[in-house]
N, C-alpha and C. Protein backbone atom coordinates (compact mmCIF):
# COMPACT_ATOMS: atom_id res chain seq x y z
N MET A 1 -59.97 47.96 -94.59
CA MET A 1 -60.15 47.73 -93.18
C MET A 1 -59.80 48.17 -92.16
N ALA A 2 -60.60 48.52 -91.45
CA ALA A 2 -60.37 49.43 -90.25
C ALA A 2 -59.52 48.63 -89.21
N ASP A 3 -58.76 49.30 -88.79
CA ASP A 3 -57.72 48.50 -87.70
C ASP A 3 -58.68 48.13 -86.48
N GLU A 4 -58.64 46.87 -86.32
CA GLU A 4 -59.50 46.34 -85.10
C GLU A 4 -58.79 46.42 -84.06
N PRO A 5 -59.59 46.93 -82.75
CA PRO A 5 -58.43 46.83 -81.55
C PRO A 5 -58.04 45.42 -81.16
N GLN A 6 -56.90 45.68 -80.93
CA GLN A 6 -56.04 44.08 -80.55
C GLN A 6 -56.80 43.72 -79.30
N LYS A 7 -56.98 42.60 -79.23
CA LYS A 7 -57.30 41.86 -77.70
C LYS A 7 -55.90 41.77 -76.91
N GLU A 8 -56.22 42.27 -75.65
CA GLU A 8 -55.11 42.12 -74.65
C GLU A 8 -54.80 40.61 -74.69
N GLN A 9 -53.67 40.34 -74.67
CA GLN A 9 -53.10 38.84 -74.21
C GLN A 9 -52.76 38.86 -72.85
N PRO A 10 -53.19 37.86 -72.04
CA PRO A 10 -52.87 37.70 -70.77
C PRO A 10 -51.27 37.80 -70.77
N ASP A 11 -50.79 38.19 -69.79
CA ASP A 11 -49.19 38.23 -69.59
C ASP A 11 -48.88 37.04 -68.91
N VAL A 12 -48.78 36.02 -69.61
CA VAL A 12 -48.06 34.72 -69.24
C VAL A 12 -46.85 34.99 -68.47
N GLU A 13 -46.03 35.82 -68.94
CA GLU A 13 -44.73 35.83 -68.29
C GLU A 13 -45.09 36.40 -67.07
N LEU A 14 -45.97 37.48 -66.86
CA LEU A 14 -46.05 37.69 -65.42
C LEU A 14 -46.71 36.79 -64.75
N GLN A 15 -47.66 36.06 -65.36
CA GLN A 15 -48.20 35.09 -64.14
C GLN A 15 -47.13 34.11 -63.78
N GLY A 16 -46.23 33.73 -64.73
CA GLY A 16 -45.12 32.71 -64.36
C GLY A 16 -44.45 33.36 -63.38
N GLU A 17 -44.15 34.58 -63.21
CA GLU A 17 -43.41 35.19 -62.08
C GLU A 17 -44.24 35.07 -60.90
N VAL A 18 -45.36 35.46 -60.86
CA VAL A 18 -46.04 35.48 -59.77
C VAL A 18 -46.18 34.17 -58.99
N LEU A 19 -46.39 33.14 -59.99
CA LEU A 19 -46.35 31.69 -59.47
C LEU A 19 -44.93 31.29 -58.75
N GLN A 20 -43.83 31.64 -59.49
CA GLN A 20 -42.60 31.29 -59.07
C GLN A 20 -42.17 32.10 -57.68
N GLY A 21 -43.02 33.43 -57.68
CA GLY A 21 -42.64 34.43 -56.28
C GLY A 21 -43.42 33.53 -55.24
N ASP A 22 -44.60 32.71 -55.57
CA ASP A 22 -45.09 31.87 -54.43
C ASP A 22 -44.24 30.82 -53.94
N VAL A 23 -43.84 30.34 -54.85
CA VAL A 23 -42.93 29.27 -54.78
C VAL A 23 -41.82 29.51 -53.61
N VAL A 24 -41.17 30.71 -54.01
CA VAL A 24 -40.11 31.21 -53.45
C VAL A 24 -40.38 31.69 -51.94
N ASP A 25 -41.70 32.04 -51.87
CA ASP A 25 -41.99 32.61 -50.53
C ASP A 25 -42.18 31.30 -49.78
N THR A 26 -43.05 30.17 -50.25
CA THR A 26 -43.15 29.07 -49.45
C THR A 26 -41.74 28.61 -48.88
N SER A 27 -40.85 28.40 -49.93
CA SER A 27 -39.46 27.86 -49.86
C SER A 27 -38.79 28.57 -48.46
N ILE A 28 -38.77 30.04 -48.62
CA ILE A 28 -38.39 31.02 -47.57
C ILE A 28 -38.87 30.42 -46.22
N GLU A 29 -40.18 30.20 -46.33
CA GLU A 29 -40.82 29.91 -45.09
C GLU A 29 -40.61 28.60 -44.42
N LEU A 30 -40.53 27.72 -45.47
CA LEU A 30 -40.08 26.26 -44.87
C LEU A 30 -38.57 26.39 -44.11
N GLU A 31 -37.81 27.21 -44.85
CA GLU A 31 -36.46 27.17 -44.67
C GLU A 31 -36.45 28.01 -43.01
N LEU A 32 -37.28 29.07 -43.01
CA LEU A 32 -37.31 29.69 -41.68
C LEU A 32 -37.79 28.64 -40.54
N GLU A 33 -39.14 28.00 -40.85
CA GLU A 33 -39.38 27.28 -39.84
C GLU A 33 -38.31 26.08 -39.46
N GLU A 34 -37.52 25.43 -40.73
CA GLU A 34 -36.41 24.73 -40.11
C GLU A 34 -35.47 25.29 -39.23
N ALA A 35 -35.35 26.33 -39.71
CA ALA A 35 -34.06 27.16 -38.80
C ALA A 35 -34.66 27.22 -37.49
N VAL A 36 -35.76 27.83 -37.35
CA VAL A 36 -36.24 27.91 -36.01
C VAL A 36 -36.45 26.80 -35.27
N GLU A 37 -36.85 25.57 -35.79
CA GLU A 37 -36.83 24.34 -35.34
C GLU A 37 -35.50 23.56 -34.74
N THR A 38 -34.57 23.95 -35.73
CA THR A 38 -33.01 23.83 -35.74
C THR A 38 -32.84 24.27 -34.32
N GLU A 39 -33.05 25.75 -34.36
CA GLU A 39 -32.37 26.52 -33.08
C GLU A 39 -32.92 26.27 -31.82
N GLN A 40 -34.41 25.62 -31.93
CA GLN A 40 -34.88 25.30 -30.88
C GLN A 40 -34.29 23.78 -30.30
N ASN A 41 -33.87 22.87 -31.22
CA ASN A 41 -33.40 21.87 -30.99
C ASN A 41 -31.91 22.03 -30.35
N LEU A 42 -31.34 22.84 -30.97
CA LEU A 42 -29.69 23.37 -30.42
C LEU A 42 -30.04 23.82 -29.08
N GLY A 43 -31.07 24.55 -28.81
CA GLY A 43 -31.19 25.05 -27.33
C GLY A 43 -31.59 24.25 -26.40
N ARG A 44 -32.37 22.90 -26.80
CA ARG A 44 -32.59 21.95 -25.92
C ARG A 44 -31.58 21.31 -25.62
N LEU A 45 -30.50 20.81 -26.85
CA LEU A 45 -29.31 20.15 -26.46
C LEU A 45 -28.23 20.76 -25.72
N LEU A 46 -28.33 22.27 -25.92
CA LEU A 46 -27.22 23.02 -25.16
C LEU A 46 -27.80 23.17 -23.63
N GLU A 47 -29.11 23.10 -23.50
CA GLU A 47 -29.48 22.99 -22.03
C GLU A 47 -29.13 21.64 -21.25
N GLU A 48 -29.61 20.58 -22.17
CA GLU A 48 -29.04 19.16 -21.90
C GLU A 48 -27.86 19.05 -21.59
N ALA A 49 -26.89 19.45 -22.35
CA ALA A 49 -25.42 19.37 -22.17
C ALA A 49 -24.96 20.31 -20.97
N LYS A 50 -25.54 21.40 -20.52
CA LYS A 50 -25.42 22.33 -19.53
C LYS A 50 -25.50 21.30 -18.32
N SER A 51 -26.90 20.91 -18.18
CA SER A 51 -27.36 20.30 -17.30
C SER A 51 -26.33 19.14 -16.89
N LYS A 52 -25.78 18.45 -17.95
CA LYS A 52 -25.03 17.06 -17.63
C LYS A 52 -23.60 17.53 -17.28
N ALA A 53 -23.14 19.01 -17.65
CA ALA A 53 -21.89 19.27 -17.28
C ALA A 53 -21.94 19.67 -15.80
N ASP A 54 -23.03 20.29 -15.28
CA ASP A 54 -23.36 20.87 -13.98
C ASP A 54 -23.31 19.38 -13.04
N GLU A 55 -24.09 18.66 -13.65
CA GLU A 55 -23.86 17.19 -12.73
C GLU A 55 -22.40 16.46 -12.78
N ASN A 56 -22.10 16.39 -13.81
CA ASN A 56 -20.28 15.79 -13.67
C ASN A 56 -19.71 16.63 -13.00
N TRP A 57 -19.83 18.12 -12.83
CA TRP A 57 -19.05 19.00 -12.24
C TRP A 57 -19.52 18.80 -10.56
N ASP A 58 -20.66 18.47 -10.41
CA ASP A 58 -20.98 18.13 -8.79
C ASP A 58 -20.37 16.93 -8.47
N LEU A 59 -20.43 15.88 -9.51
CA LEU A 59 -19.84 14.67 -8.83
C LEU A 59 -18.15 14.64 -9.03
N LEU A 60 -17.79 15.55 -9.53
CA LEU A 60 -16.14 15.67 -9.46
C LEU A 60 -15.80 16.34 -8.10
N MET A 61 -16.74 17.24 -7.94
CA MET A 61 -16.69 17.85 -6.54
C MET A 61 -16.57 16.91 -5.55
N ARG A 62 -17.55 16.11 -5.75
CA ARG A 62 -17.90 15.18 -4.45
C ARG A 62 -16.77 14.12 -4.29
N ALA A 63 -16.36 13.60 -5.67
CA ALA A 63 -15.15 12.70 -5.56
C ALA A 63 -13.86 13.28 -4.71
N ARG A 64 -13.67 14.67 -5.10
CA ARG A 64 -12.41 15.28 -4.75
C ARG A 64 -12.66 15.54 -3.24
N ALA A 65 -13.94 15.85 -3.10
CA ALA A 65 -13.98 16.06 -1.31
C ALA A 65 -13.81 14.49 -0.66
N GLU A 66 -14.48 13.41 -1.17
CA GLU A 66 -13.84 12.23 -0.72
C GLU A 66 -12.81 11.73 -0.65
N LEU A 67 -11.99 12.21 -1.77
CA LEU A 67 -10.53 11.91 -2.01
C LEU A 67 -9.64 12.59 -0.91
N ASP A 68 -10.13 13.76 -0.59
CA ASP A 68 -9.30 14.38 0.33
C ASP A 68 -9.75 14.08 1.80
N ASN A 69 -10.90 13.64 2.04
CA ASN A 69 -11.10 12.81 3.41
C ASN A 69 -10.53 11.53 3.42
N VAL A 70 -10.33 10.71 2.26
CA VAL A 70 -9.53 9.62 2.47
C VAL A 70 -8.08 9.70 2.57
N ARG A 71 -7.63 10.68 1.95
CA ARG A 71 -6.11 11.00 2.15
C ARG A 71 -6.13 11.51 3.71
N ARG A 72 -6.89 12.09 4.32
CA ARG A 72 -6.86 12.74 5.84
C ARG A 72 -6.80 11.50 6.67
N ARG A 73 -7.49 10.67 6.41
CA ARG A 73 -7.68 9.41 7.25
C ARG A 73 -6.61 8.69 7.17
N GLN A 74 -5.97 8.58 6.09
CA GLN A 74 -5.02 7.55 5.75
C GLN A 74 -3.69 8.13 6.43
N LYS A 75 -3.61 9.60 6.39
CA LYS A 75 -2.42 10.31 7.02
C LYS A 75 -2.61 10.24 8.72
N LYS A 76 -3.82 10.23 9.19
CA LYS A 76 -3.86 9.84 10.46
C LYS A 76 -3.87 8.67 10.93
N GLU A 77 -4.17 7.65 10.04
CA GLU A 77 -3.97 6.35 10.47
C GLU A 77 -2.42 5.84 10.59
N LEU A 78 -1.78 6.46 9.46
CA LEU A 78 -0.37 6.15 9.35
C LEU A 78 0.50 6.72 10.74
N GLU A 79 0.02 8.07 11.28
CA GLU A 79 0.62 8.69 12.11
C GLU A 79 0.50 8.01 13.56
N ASN A 80 -0.92 7.27 13.53
CA ASN A 80 -1.14 6.57 14.74
C ASN A 80 -0.49 5.24 14.63
N ALA A 81 -0.19 4.61 13.37
CA ALA A 81 0.59 3.16 13.45
C ALA A 81 1.95 3.75 13.63
N HIS A 82 2.53 4.64 13.32
CA HIS A 82 3.85 5.26 13.91
C HIS A 82 4.20 5.09 15.19
N LYS A 83 2.97 5.80 16.02
CA LYS A 83 3.00 6.11 17.41
C LYS A 83 2.45 4.81 18.15
N TYR A 84 1.70 4.42 17.91
CA TYR A 84 1.12 3.16 18.60
C TYR A 84 1.49 1.59 17.89
N GLY A 85 2.05 1.63 17.18
CA GLY A 85 2.20 0.40 16.21
C GLY A 85 3.02 -0.66 17.28
N ILE A 86 3.51 -0.31 18.23
CA ILE A 86 3.93 -1.53 19.15
C ILE A 86 3.28 -1.67 20.64
N GLU A 87 2.18 -0.96 20.67
CA GLU A 87 1.30 -0.94 21.66
C GLU A 87 0.99 -2.48 22.25
N LYS A 88 0.77 -3.29 21.54
CA LYS A 88 0.44 -4.85 21.84
C LYS A 88 1.80 -5.10 22.57
N PHE A 89 2.99 -4.91 21.73
CA PHE A 89 4.25 -5.58 22.23
C PHE A 89 4.69 -5.28 23.64
N VAL A 90 4.13 -3.74 24.01
CA VAL A 90 4.59 -2.97 25.03
C VAL A 90 3.55 -3.81 26.05
N ARG A 91 2.28 -4.27 25.83
CA ARG A 91 1.41 -4.80 26.76
C ARG A 91 2.34 -6.08 27.31
N GLU A 92 2.50 -6.67 25.99
CA GLU A 92 3.47 -8.05 26.65
C GLU A 92 4.50 -8.03 27.40
N LEU A 93 5.26 -6.83 27.51
CA LEU A 93 6.46 -6.62 28.06
C LEU A 93 6.35 -5.93 29.71
N LEU A 94 5.35 -5.62 29.83
CA LEU A 94 4.83 -5.06 31.05
C LEU A 94 4.90 -5.95 32.35
N PRO A 95 4.34 -7.24 32.03
CA PRO A 95 4.29 -8.12 33.16
C PRO A 95 5.79 -8.81 33.33
N ILE A 96 6.33 -8.51 32.52
CA ILE A 96 7.91 -9.15 32.39
C ILE A 96 8.51 -8.26 33.22
N LYS A 97 8.42 -6.97 33.07
CA LYS A 97 8.99 -5.87 33.74
C LYS A 97 8.61 -6.13 35.25
N ASP A 98 7.25 -6.22 35.53
CA ASP A 98 6.71 -6.60 36.82
C ASP A 98 7.44 -7.57 37.49
N SER A 99 7.68 -8.83 36.76
CA SER A 99 8.15 -10.11 37.25
C SER A 99 9.77 -9.85 37.83
N LEU A 100 10.52 -8.79 36.74
CA LEU A 100 11.90 -8.68 37.12
C LEU A 100 12.11 -7.70 38.44
N GLU A 101 11.30 -6.84 38.55
CA GLU A 101 11.02 -5.65 39.52
C GLU A 101 10.88 -6.63 41.06
N LEU A 102 9.80 -7.60 41.14
CA LEU A 102 9.62 -8.63 42.24
C LEU A 102 11.06 -9.46 42.42
N GLY A 103 11.48 -10.02 41.41
CA GLY A 103 12.79 -10.67 41.41
C GLY A 103 13.84 -10.04 42.09
N LEU A 104 13.93 -8.54 41.93
CA LEU A 104 15.14 -7.87 42.29
C LEU A 104 14.55 -7.54 43.66
N THR A 105 13.62 -6.99 44.11
CA THR A 105 13.06 -6.97 45.53
C THR A 105 13.39 -8.31 46.50
N ALA A 106 13.16 -9.32 45.84
CA ALA A 106 13.35 -10.58 46.61
C ALA A 106 14.90 -10.60 46.70
N ALA A 107 15.71 -10.58 45.75
CA ALA A 107 17.08 -10.83 45.87
C ALA A 107 17.68 -10.05 46.62
N LEU A 108 17.17 -8.51 46.80
CA LEU A 108 17.67 -7.69 48.02
C LEU A 108 17.25 -8.02 49.46
N SER A 109 16.09 -8.71 49.63
CA SER A 109 15.83 -9.01 50.90
C SER A 109 16.70 -9.73 51.88
N GLU A 110 16.50 -9.54 53.09
CA GLU A 110 17.79 -10.38 53.87
C GLU A 110 17.37 -12.08 53.75
N SER A 111 16.05 -12.45 53.72
CA SER A 111 15.90 -13.85 53.62
C SER A 111 15.68 -14.53 52.16
N ALA A 112 16.55 -14.05 51.43
CA ALA A 112 16.53 -14.29 49.79
C ALA A 112 16.95 -15.71 49.75
N ASP A 113 16.01 -16.37 49.02
CA ASP A 113 16.21 -17.80 48.93
C ASP A 113 16.84 -18.13 47.66
N VAL A 114 17.99 -18.68 47.37
CA VAL A 114 18.29 -18.86 45.96
C VAL A 114 17.50 -19.73 45.04
N ALA A 115 17.08 -20.64 45.52
CA ALA A 115 16.03 -21.50 44.76
C ALA A 115 14.79 -20.82 44.19
N ASN A 116 14.37 -20.11 45.14
CA ASN A 116 13.16 -19.11 44.82
C ASN A 116 13.39 -18.11 43.68
N LEU A 117 14.48 -17.75 43.96
CA LEU A 117 15.16 -16.52 42.84
C LEU A 117 15.18 -17.30 41.60
N LEU A 118 16.02 -18.56 41.61
CA LEU A 118 16.21 -19.31 40.49
C LEU A 118 14.59 -19.59 39.78
N GLN A 119 13.70 -19.86 40.29
CA GLN A 119 12.58 -20.27 40.09
C GLN A 119 11.78 -18.93 39.48
N GLY A 120 11.81 -17.76 40.23
CA GLY A 120 11.28 -16.63 39.56
C GLY A 120 11.83 -16.24 38.19
N THR A 121 13.17 -16.33 38.04
CA THR A 121 14.13 -16.09 36.87
C THR A 121 13.54 -16.85 35.76
N GLU A 122 13.57 -18.21 35.75
CA GLU A 122 12.82 -19.09 34.99
C GLU A 122 11.58 -18.56 34.38
N MET A 123 10.62 -18.23 35.42
CA MET A 123 9.49 -17.75 35.10
C MET A 123 9.46 -16.62 34.23
N THR A 124 10.11 -15.67 34.76
CA THR A 124 10.26 -14.44 33.71
C THR A 124 10.85 -14.86 32.40
N LEU A 125 11.77 -15.67 32.21
CA LEU A 125 12.47 -15.80 31.22
C LEU A 125 11.29 -16.55 30.22
N SER A 126 10.26 -17.47 30.78
CA SER A 126 9.48 -18.00 30.09
C SER A 126 8.40 -17.00 29.93
N LEU A 127 8.03 -16.01 30.33
CA LEU A 127 7.10 -14.93 30.12
C LEU A 127 7.48 -13.99 29.00
N PHE A 128 8.83 -13.84 29.00
CA PHE A 128 9.74 -13.11 27.84
C PHE A 128 9.62 -13.84 26.48
N THR A 129 9.95 -15.34 26.71
CA THR A 129 10.06 -16.02 25.40
C THR A 129 8.50 -16.42 24.64
N SER A 130 7.39 -16.41 25.39
CA SER A 130 5.98 -16.36 25.25
C SER A 130 5.59 -14.94 24.47
N ALA A 131 6.12 -13.94 24.80
CA ALA A 131 5.67 -12.46 24.41
C ALA A 131 6.66 -12.67 22.87
N MET A 132 7.81 -13.02 22.86
CA MET A 132 8.49 -13.08 21.49
C MET A 132 7.84 -13.92 20.57
N ASP A 133 7.33 -15.17 21.15
CA ASP A 133 6.63 -16.03 20.07
C ASP A 133 5.49 -15.44 19.73
N LYS A 134 4.72 -14.38 20.43
CA LYS A 134 3.30 -13.94 19.79
C LYS A 134 3.89 -12.94 18.76
N PHE A 135 4.88 -12.45 18.62
CA PHE A 135 5.16 -11.52 17.80
C PHE A 135 6.14 -11.81 16.92
N GLU A 136 6.24 -13.34 16.78
CA GLU A 136 7.25 -14.11 15.60
C GLU A 136 8.55 -13.62 15.84
N ILE A 137 9.24 -13.49 16.76
CA ILE A 137 10.42 -13.17 17.29
C ILE A 137 11.02 -14.37 17.45
N VAL A 138 12.24 -14.90 16.36
CA VAL A 138 12.58 -16.50 16.63
C VAL A 138 14.08 -16.25 16.84
N ALA A 139 14.46 -16.93 17.94
CA ALA A 139 15.91 -17.09 17.98
C ALA A 139 16.69 -17.84 17.10
N LEU A 140 17.79 -17.51 16.69
CA LEU A 140 18.96 -18.17 15.76
C LEU A 140 19.67 -18.72 16.71
N ASN A 141 19.86 -20.21 16.91
CA ASN A 141 20.65 -20.82 17.75
C ASN A 141 21.44 -21.86 16.79
N PRO A 142 22.12 -21.76 15.99
CA PRO A 142 22.58 -22.56 15.03
C PRO A 142 23.87 -23.67 15.10
N GLU A 143 24.01 -23.89 16.49
CA GLU A 143 25.02 -24.77 16.73
C GLU A 143 24.49 -26.28 16.07
N GLY A 144 25.71 -26.66 15.48
CA GLY A 144 25.92 -27.95 14.67
C GLY A 144 25.23 -27.54 13.36
N GLU A 145 24.80 -26.52 12.94
CA GLU A 145 24.17 -26.47 11.53
C GLU A 145 25.54 -25.92 10.55
N ARG A 146 25.15 -25.86 9.29
CA ARG A 146 25.99 -25.21 8.33
C ARG A 146 25.86 -23.85 8.52
N PHE A 147 27.20 -23.12 8.41
CA PHE A 147 27.37 -21.68 8.47
C PHE A 147 26.73 -20.94 7.42
N ASN A 148 25.73 -20.33 7.64
CA ASN A 148 24.94 -19.60 6.81
C ASN A 148 25.26 -17.85 6.70
N PRO A 149 25.95 -17.18 6.03
CA PRO A 149 26.26 -15.81 6.03
C PRO A 149 25.23 -15.13 5.85
N GLU A 150 23.94 -15.49 5.39
CA GLU A 150 22.72 -14.66 5.39
C GLU A 150 22.08 -14.26 6.93
N PHE A 151 22.65 -15.23 7.99
CA PHE A 151 22.18 -15.19 9.39
C PHE A 151 23.13 -15.61 10.46
N HIS A 152 24.27 -15.61 9.95
CA HIS A 152 25.31 -15.86 11.22
C HIS A 152 26.47 -15.06 10.75
N GLN A 153 27.34 -14.67 11.63
CA GLN A 153 28.44 -13.92 11.52
C GLN A 153 29.63 -14.65 12.26
N ALA A 154 30.59 -14.99 11.36
CA ALA A 154 31.61 -15.79 12.31
C ALA A 154 32.66 -14.95 12.65
N MET A 155 32.82 -15.15 14.00
CA MET A 155 33.70 -14.52 14.84
C MET A 155 35.09 -15.13 14.65
N SER A 156 35.19 -16.46 14.30
CA SER A 156 36.54 -17.03 14.16
C SER A 156 36.38 -18.41 13.59
N MET A 157 37.57 -18.90 13.02
CA MET A 157 37.66 -20.07 12.35
C MET A 157 38.30 -21.11 13.10
N VAL A 158 37.65 -22.63 13.57
CA VAL A 158 38.58 -23.07 14.41
C VAL A 158 38.66 -24.43 13.81
N PRO A 159 40.05 -24.95 13.56
CA PRO A 159 40.48 -26.27 13.12
C PRO A 159 39.73 -27.51 13.91
N SER A 160 39.02 -28.23 13.15
CA SER A 160 38.45 -29.25 14.05
C SER A 160 38.20 -30.52 13.16
N PRO A 161 39.12 -31.37 13.56
CA PRO A 161 39.16 -32.91 12.70
C PRO A 161 37.85 -33.67 12.81
N ASP A 162 37.05 -33.44 13.91
CA ASP A 162 35.81 -34.24 14.11
C ASP A 162 34.50 -33.60 13.48
N VAL A 163 34.69 -32.22 13.04
CA VAL A 163 33.53 -31.85 12.58
C VAL A 163 33.85 -31.32 11.08
N GLU A 164 32.59 -31.54 10.37
CA GLU A 164 32.78 -31.17 8.84
C GLU A 164 33.24 -29.68 8.87
N PRO A 165 33.96 -29.29 7.95
CA PRO A 165 34.43 -27.62 7.69
C PRO A 165 32.93 -26.85 7.42
N ASN A 166 33.03 -25.71 7.72
CA ASN A 166 31.92 -24.79 7.73
C ASN A 166 30.49 -24.90 8.65
N THR A 167 30.89 -25.95 9.85
CA THR A 167 29.66 -26.06 10.62
C THR A 167 30.22 -25.11 11.62
N VAL A 168 28.94 -24.77 12.18
CA VAL A 168 28.95 -23.88 13.42
C VAL A 168 29.16 -24.72 14.78
N ILE A 169 30.53 -24.41 15.44
CA ILE A 169 30.51 -25.61 16.72
C ILE A 169 30.28 -24.69 17.92
N THR A 170 30.22 -23.54 17.94
CA THR A 170 30.09 -22.61 19.14
C THR A 170 29.24 -21.36 18.77
N VAL A 171 27.97 -21.15 19.73
CA VAL A 171 27.40 -19.90 19.25
C VAL A 171 27.69 -19.03 20.54
N ILE A 172 28.41 -17.84 20.10
CA ILE A 172 28.79 -16.92 21.18
C ILE A 172 27.72 -15.93 21.61
N GLN A 173 26.88 -15.66 20.65
CA GLN A 173 25.73 -14.62 21.13
C GLN A 173 24.53 -15.16 19.90
N LYS A 174 23.16 -15.63 20.32
CA LYS A 174 22.21 -15.75 19.55
C LYS A 174 21.77 -14.97 18.53
N GLY A 175 21.44 -15.10 17.44
CA GLY A 175 20.65 -14.25 16.67
C GLY A 175 19.17 -14.20 16.51
N TYR A 176 18.50 -13.29 15.96
CA TYR A 176 16.99 -13.06 15.98
C TYR A 176 16.60 -12.52 14.63
N THR A 177 15.33 -13.25 14.31
CA THR A 177 14.66 -12.74 13.07
C THR A 177 13.07 -12.35 13.32
N LEU A 178 12.75 -11.49 12.86
CA LEU A 178 11.34 -11.00 13.08
C LEU A 178 10.45 -10.96 11.89
N ASN A 179 9.53 -12.20 11.91
CA ASN A 179 8.60 -12.58 10.75
C ASN A 179 9.57 -12.80 9.63
N GLY A 180 10.56 -13.34 9.88
CA GLY A 180 11.56 -14.23 9.03
C GLY A 180 12.58 -12.94 8.27
N ARG A 181 12.63 -11.91 8.97
CA ARG A 181 13.55 -10.78 8.61
C ARG A 181 14.56 -10.62 9.54
N LEU A 182 15.98 -10.73 9.21
CA LEU A 182 17.14 -10.78 10.22
C LEU A 182 17.23 -9.46 11.06
N VAL A 183 16.84 -9.41 12.44
CA VAL A 183 17.12 -8.23 13.09
C VAL A 183 18.80 -8.27 13.86
N ARG A 184 19.15 -9.50 14.09
CA ARG A 184 20.62 -9.45 14.50
C ARG A 184 21.02 -10.94 14.21
N PRO A 185 22.43 -11.06 13.55
CA PRO A 185 22.88 -12.29 13.07
C PRO A 185 23.51 -13.19 14.27
N ALA A 186 23.42 -14.39 14.36
CA ALA A 186 24.06 -15.16 15.29
C ALA A 186 25.57 -15.07 15.13
N MET A 187 26.23 -14.76 16.60
CA MET A 187 27.67 -14.84 16.43
C MET A 187 28.05 -16.28 16.69
N VAL A 188 28.88 -16.64 15.70
CA VAL A 188 29.62 -17.94 15.77
C VAL A 188 30.92 -18.25 15.59
N MET A 189 31.29 -19.50 15.90
CA MET A 189 32.53 -19.84 15.79
C MET A 189 32.38 -21.09 14.62
N VAL A 190 33.14 -21.00 13.68
CA VAL A 190 32.84 -22.18 12.64
C VAL A 190 34.06 -23.17 12.66
N ALA A 191 33.79 -24.08 12.40
CA ALA A 191 34.80 -25.20 12.14
C ALA A 191 35.54 -25.15 10.71
N GLN A 192 36.74 -25.37 10.70
CA GLN A 192 37.64 -25.44 9.55
C GLN A 192 38.46 -26.79 9.37
N ALA A 193 38.67 -27.23 8.25
CA ALA A 193 39.66 -28.49 8.15
C ALA A 193 40.82 -28.02 8.88
N PRO A 194 41.33 -29.11 9.67
CA PRO A 194 42.66 -28.77 10.18
C PRO A 194 43.83 -28.83 9.04
N ALA A 195 44.93 -28.07 9.75
CA ALA A 195 46.05 -27.81 8.80
C ALA A 195 46.77 -29.13 8.47
N LYS A 196 47.35 -29.64 7.49
CA LYS A 196 47.90 -30.72 7.09
C LYS A 196 49.28 -30.78 7.37
N PRO A 197 49.80 -31.68 8.16
CA PRO A 197 51.20 -31.85 8.71
C PRO A 197 51.97 -31.39 7.50
N VAL A 198 53.23 -30.86 7.96
CA VAL A 198 53.95 -30.45 6.84
C VAL A 198 54.66 -31.50 5.98
N ASP A 199 54.85 -32.83 6.22
CA ASP A 199 55.26 -33.82 5.66
C ASP A 199 54.50 -34.17 4.33
N GLU A 200 53.05 -33.90 4.76
CA GLU A 200 51.81 -34.50 3.96
C GLU A 200 51.81 -33.47 2.83
N GLN A 201 52.15 -32.05 3.27
CA GLN A 201 52.19 -30.95 2.05
C GLN A 201 53.13 -31.30 1.01
N ALA A 202 54.32 -31.71 1.52
CA ALA A 202 55.31 -31.98 0.48
C ALA A 202 55.10 -33.00 -0.57
C-alpha cells in the first residue's frame, strides 16, 4: 500500500499558546489601566494634600501674626498700667493738695482766724479720707482689740491689772491696708499681766 500522505494535524499546542498569549495581553492591559488609574488617584490625593497643607500653613501664619499682635498689645497695656495705674488716685489727691495750699495761704495772712483754719483742716482731712475709702485704703486703729501680730507691731508691753493681757491699750501710729493687704502695721502698746508681788511668788 502506497504511503498515503498524512493529514496535517492542527497544532493544538500552538493554538493554546496563542490563547494564553491573548489572556496574558489582556491581563497586562488591565494591570496597566489599574496602574494609570492608581497613579491618577495618587496625583489627585497629592494635590488635595498639597492644597490642605497650603491652607493649614496660611492658617498657621495668620494665627502667628495674630498672636504677635496680641503680645504687642498686652506689652503696651502693661507698660501703660505701670505708668498710669495710679492716675485715678492722683486725680483724687489733687483737690486735697489744692485745699492744703489754700489753708496754708489763709494761715499766713494777717487776718488768719483759728476757727476758719480748723474748719478748713477738717474739710481737707475729710477729702483725704474719702479718697482713701474709694481705693479701699483702710486705717487700722486697734485700740481695745486683741493684739494681732499680722497687722500690729508691739512697741512695748505695759503691765495693766484692769485690761486683759495681749490687749492693745494705746495706738502710737495707725496702720493701713490696701484691698485687705497690709501696707503698714499699726504701732501699739500692749497690755500684759502685772508682775506678782514677791510674797505671792514664794
